[in-house]
Amino acid sequence: MSTDRTPYQRVIEELALAGKPRLFTVFGTSNHLDGAPLIGWGIELQDGGGALFRYSGQRSIHSSDTAERLLRVQRRLGDVELRWLDH
């Protein structure tokens, strides 16, 4: 946005910055591929907006209500854990 923003545009900018998603990683080893590494990254949107996740090297994007719920599903694939990157 230009530097000569209207008050309304400044409010929109403030809301966009305040509502930034939290960043996380899920990492560990695969149960099905001889312990191959599983490494991926995701975002969790604020106020119940959901979570999006993708493993490195894969094309599919996984979604869930929360990062923790996404982790429970990913634990079916391997011994993985979740770590927040922004705190």
C-alpha atoms as a PDB file:
ATOM      1  CA  MET A   1       0.000   0.000   0.000  1.00  0.00           C
ATOM      2  CA  SER A   2       1.166   3.539  -0.621  1.00  0.00           C
ATOM      3  CA  THR A   3       2.342   5.828   2.154  1.00  0.00           C
ATOM      4  CA  ASP A   4      -0.675   8.121   1.713  1.00  0.00           C
ATOM      5  CA  ARG A   5      -3.175   5.611   3.085  1.00  0.00           C
ATOM      6  CA  THR A   6      -6.575   6.621   4.306  1.00  0.00           C
ATOM      7  CA  PRO A   7      -7.511   5.989   7.958  1.00  0.00           C
ATOM      8  CA  TYR A   8      -9.634   3.060   6.765  1.00  0.00           C
ATOM      9  CA  GLN A   9      -6.659   1.530   4.918  1.00  0.00           C
ATOM     10  CA  ARG A  10      -4.488   1.934   8.035  1.00  0.00           C
ATOM     11  CA  VAL A  11      -7.099   0.066  10.109  1.00  0.00           C
ATOM     12  CA  ILE A  12      -7.144  -2.753   7.539  1.00  0.00           C
ATOM     13  CA  GLU A  13      -3.339  -2.935   7.688  1.00  0.00           C
ATOM     14  CA  GLU A  14      -3.390  -3.090  11.493  1.00  0.00           C
ATOM     15  CA  LEU A  15      -5.972  -5.892  11.430  1.00  0.00           C
ATOM     16  CA  ALA A  16      -3.941  -7.842   8.862  1.00  0.00           C
ATOM     17  CA  LEU A  17      -0.779  -7.596  10.937  1.00  0.00           C
ATOM     18  CA  ALA A  18      -2.548  -8.376  14.232  1.00  0.00           C
ATOM     19  CA  GLY A  19      -4.219 -11.456  12.764  1.00  0.00           C
ATOM     20  CA  LYS A  20      -1.038 -13.069  11.447  1.00  0.00           C
ATOM     21  CA  PRO A  21      -0.988 -16.890  11.620  1.00  0.00           C
ATOM     22  CA  ARG A  22       1.269 -18.871  13.947  1.00  0.00           C
ATOM     23  CA  LEU A  23       4.017 -20.880  12.280  1.00  0.00           C
ATOM     24  CA  PHE A  24       4.850 -24.480  13.188  1.00  0.00           C
ATOM     25  CA  THR A  25       6.850 -27.484  12.067  1.00  0.00           C
ATOM     26  CA  VAL A  26       6.048 -31.186  12.294  1.00  0.00           C
ATOM     27  CA  PHE A  27       9.065 -33.473  12.166  1.00  0.00           C
ATOM     28  CA  GLY A  28      10.151 -36.997  12.953  1.00  0.00           C
ATOM     29  CA  THR A  29      10.565 -40.373  11.287  1.00  0.00           C
ATOM     30  CA  SER A  30       8.259 -42.451   9.109  1.00  0.00           C
ATOM     31  CA  ASN A  31       6.667 -45.683  10.314  1.00  0.00           C
ATOM     32  CA  HIS A  32       6.343 -46.943   6.740  1.00  0.00           C
ATOM     33  CA  LEU A  33       9.578 -45.909   4.988  1.00  0.00           C
ATOM     34  CA  ASP A  34      12.313 -47.457   7.163  1.00  0.00           C
ATOM     35  CA  GLY A  35      12.485 -44.457   9.456  1.00  0.00           C
ATOM     36  CA  ALA A  36      12.853 -41.913   6.656  1.00  0.00           C
ATOM     37  CA  PRO A  37      12.718 -38.319   7.894  1.00  0.00           C
ATOM     38  CA  LEU A  38       9.385 -36.498   7.866  1.00  0.00           C
ATOM     39  CA  ILE A  39       9.744 -32.719   7.910  1.00  0.00           C
ATOM     40  CA  GLY A  40       7.042 -30.182   7.155  1.00  0.00           C
ATOM     41  CA  TRP A  41       5.798 -26.707   7.970  1.00  0.00           C
ATOM     42  CA  GLY A  42       2.445 -25.088   8.498  1.00  0.00           C
ATOM     43  CA  ILE A  43       0.392 -22.170   9.691  1.00  0.00           C
ATOM     44  CA  GLU A  44      -2.442 -21.979  12.176  1.00  0.00           C
ATOM     45  CA  LEU A  45      -4.890 -19.127  11.633  1.00  0.00           C
ATOM     46  CA  GLN A  46      -6.234 -17.199  14.606  1.00  0.00           C
ATOM     47  CA  ASP A  47      -9.731 -17.378  16.054  1.00  0.00           C
ATOM     48  CA  GLY A  48     -10.500 -20.903  14.886  1.00  0.00           C
ATOM     49  CA  GLY A  49      -9.540 -20.254  11.271  1.00  0.00           C
ATOM     50  CA  GLY A  50      -7.899 -23.675  10.913  1.00  0.00           C
ATOM     51  CA  ALA A  51      -4.427 -24.973  10.113  1.00  0.00           C
ATOM     52  CA  LEU A  52      -2.637 -25.748   6.843  1.00  0.00           C
ATOM     53  CA  PHE A  53       0.390 -28.048   6.574  1.00  0.00           C
ATOM     54  CA  ARG A  54       2.701 -29.473   3.920  1.00  0.00           C
ATOM     55  CA  TYR A  55       5.543 -31.978   4.112  1.00  0.00           C
ATOM     56  CA  SER A  56       8.753 -31.033   2.337  1.00  0.00           C
ATOM     57  CA  GLY A  57       8.923 -32.561  -1.128  1.00  0.00           C
ATOM     58  CA  GLN A  58       5.213 -33.370  -1.339  1.00  0.00           C
ATOM     59  CA  ARG A  59       2.511 -31.652  -3.334  1.00  0.00           C
ATOM     60  CA  SER A  60      -0.456 -32.257  -1.061  1.00  0.00           C
ATOM     61  CA  ILE A  61      -1.538 -29.756   1.566  1.00  0.00           C
ATOM     62  CA  HIS A  62      -3.200 -31.029   4.723  1.00  0.00           C
ATOM     63  CA  SER A  63      -5.778 -29.030   6.649  1.00  0.00           C
ATOM     64  CA  SER A  64      -7.399 -29.346  10.045  1.00  0.00           C
ATOM     65  CA  ASP A  65      -9.162 -27.296  12.709  1.00  0.00           C
ATOM     66  CA  THR A  66      -5.942 -26.856  14.729  1.00  0.00           C
ATOM     67  CA  ALA A  67      -2.250 -27.687  14.489  1.00  0.00           C
ATOM     68  CA  GLU A  68      -2.621 -30.136  17.387  1.00  0.00           C
ATOM     69  CA  ARG A  69      -5.404 -32.026  15.610  1.00  0.00           C
ATOM     70  CA  LEU A  70      -3.283 -32.105  12.463  1.00  0.00           C
ATOM     71  CA  LEU A  71      -0.453 -33.591  14.536  1.00  0.00           C
ATOM     72  CA  ARG A  72      -2.714 -36.425  15.747  1.00  0.00           C
ATOM     73  CA  VAL A  73      -3.445 -37.362  12.139  1.00  0.00           C
ATOM     74  CA  GLN A  74       0.237 -37.131  11.126  1.00  0.00           C
ATOM     75  CA  ARG A  75       1.194 -39.482  13.968  1.00  0.00           C
ATOM     76  CA  ARG A  76      -0.440 -42.252  11.945  1.00  0.00           C
ATOM     77  CA  LEU A  77       2.431 -41.836   9.471  1.00  0.00           C
ATOM     78  CA  GLY A  78       5.276 -41.800  11.929  1.00  0.00           C
ATOM     79  CA  ASP A  79       6.860 -40.791  15.186  1.00  0.00           C
ATOM     80  CA  VAL A  80       6.452 -37.021  14.795  1.00  0.00           C
ATOM     81  CA  GLU A  81       6.197 -33.989  17.012  1.00  0.00           C
ATOM     82  CA  LEU A  82       5.008 -30.404  16.639  1.00  0.00           C
ATOM     83  CA  ARG A  83       7.087 -27.354  17.471  1.00  0.00           C
ATOM     84  CA  TRP A  84       5.881 -23.738  17.326  1.00  0.00           C
ATOM     85  CA  LEU A  85       8.319 -21.516  15.420  1.00  0.00           C
ATOM     86  CA  ASP A  86       7.117 -18.070  16.441  1.00  0.00           C
ATOM     87  CA  HIS A  87       7.338 -18.250  20.233  1.00  0.00           C
END
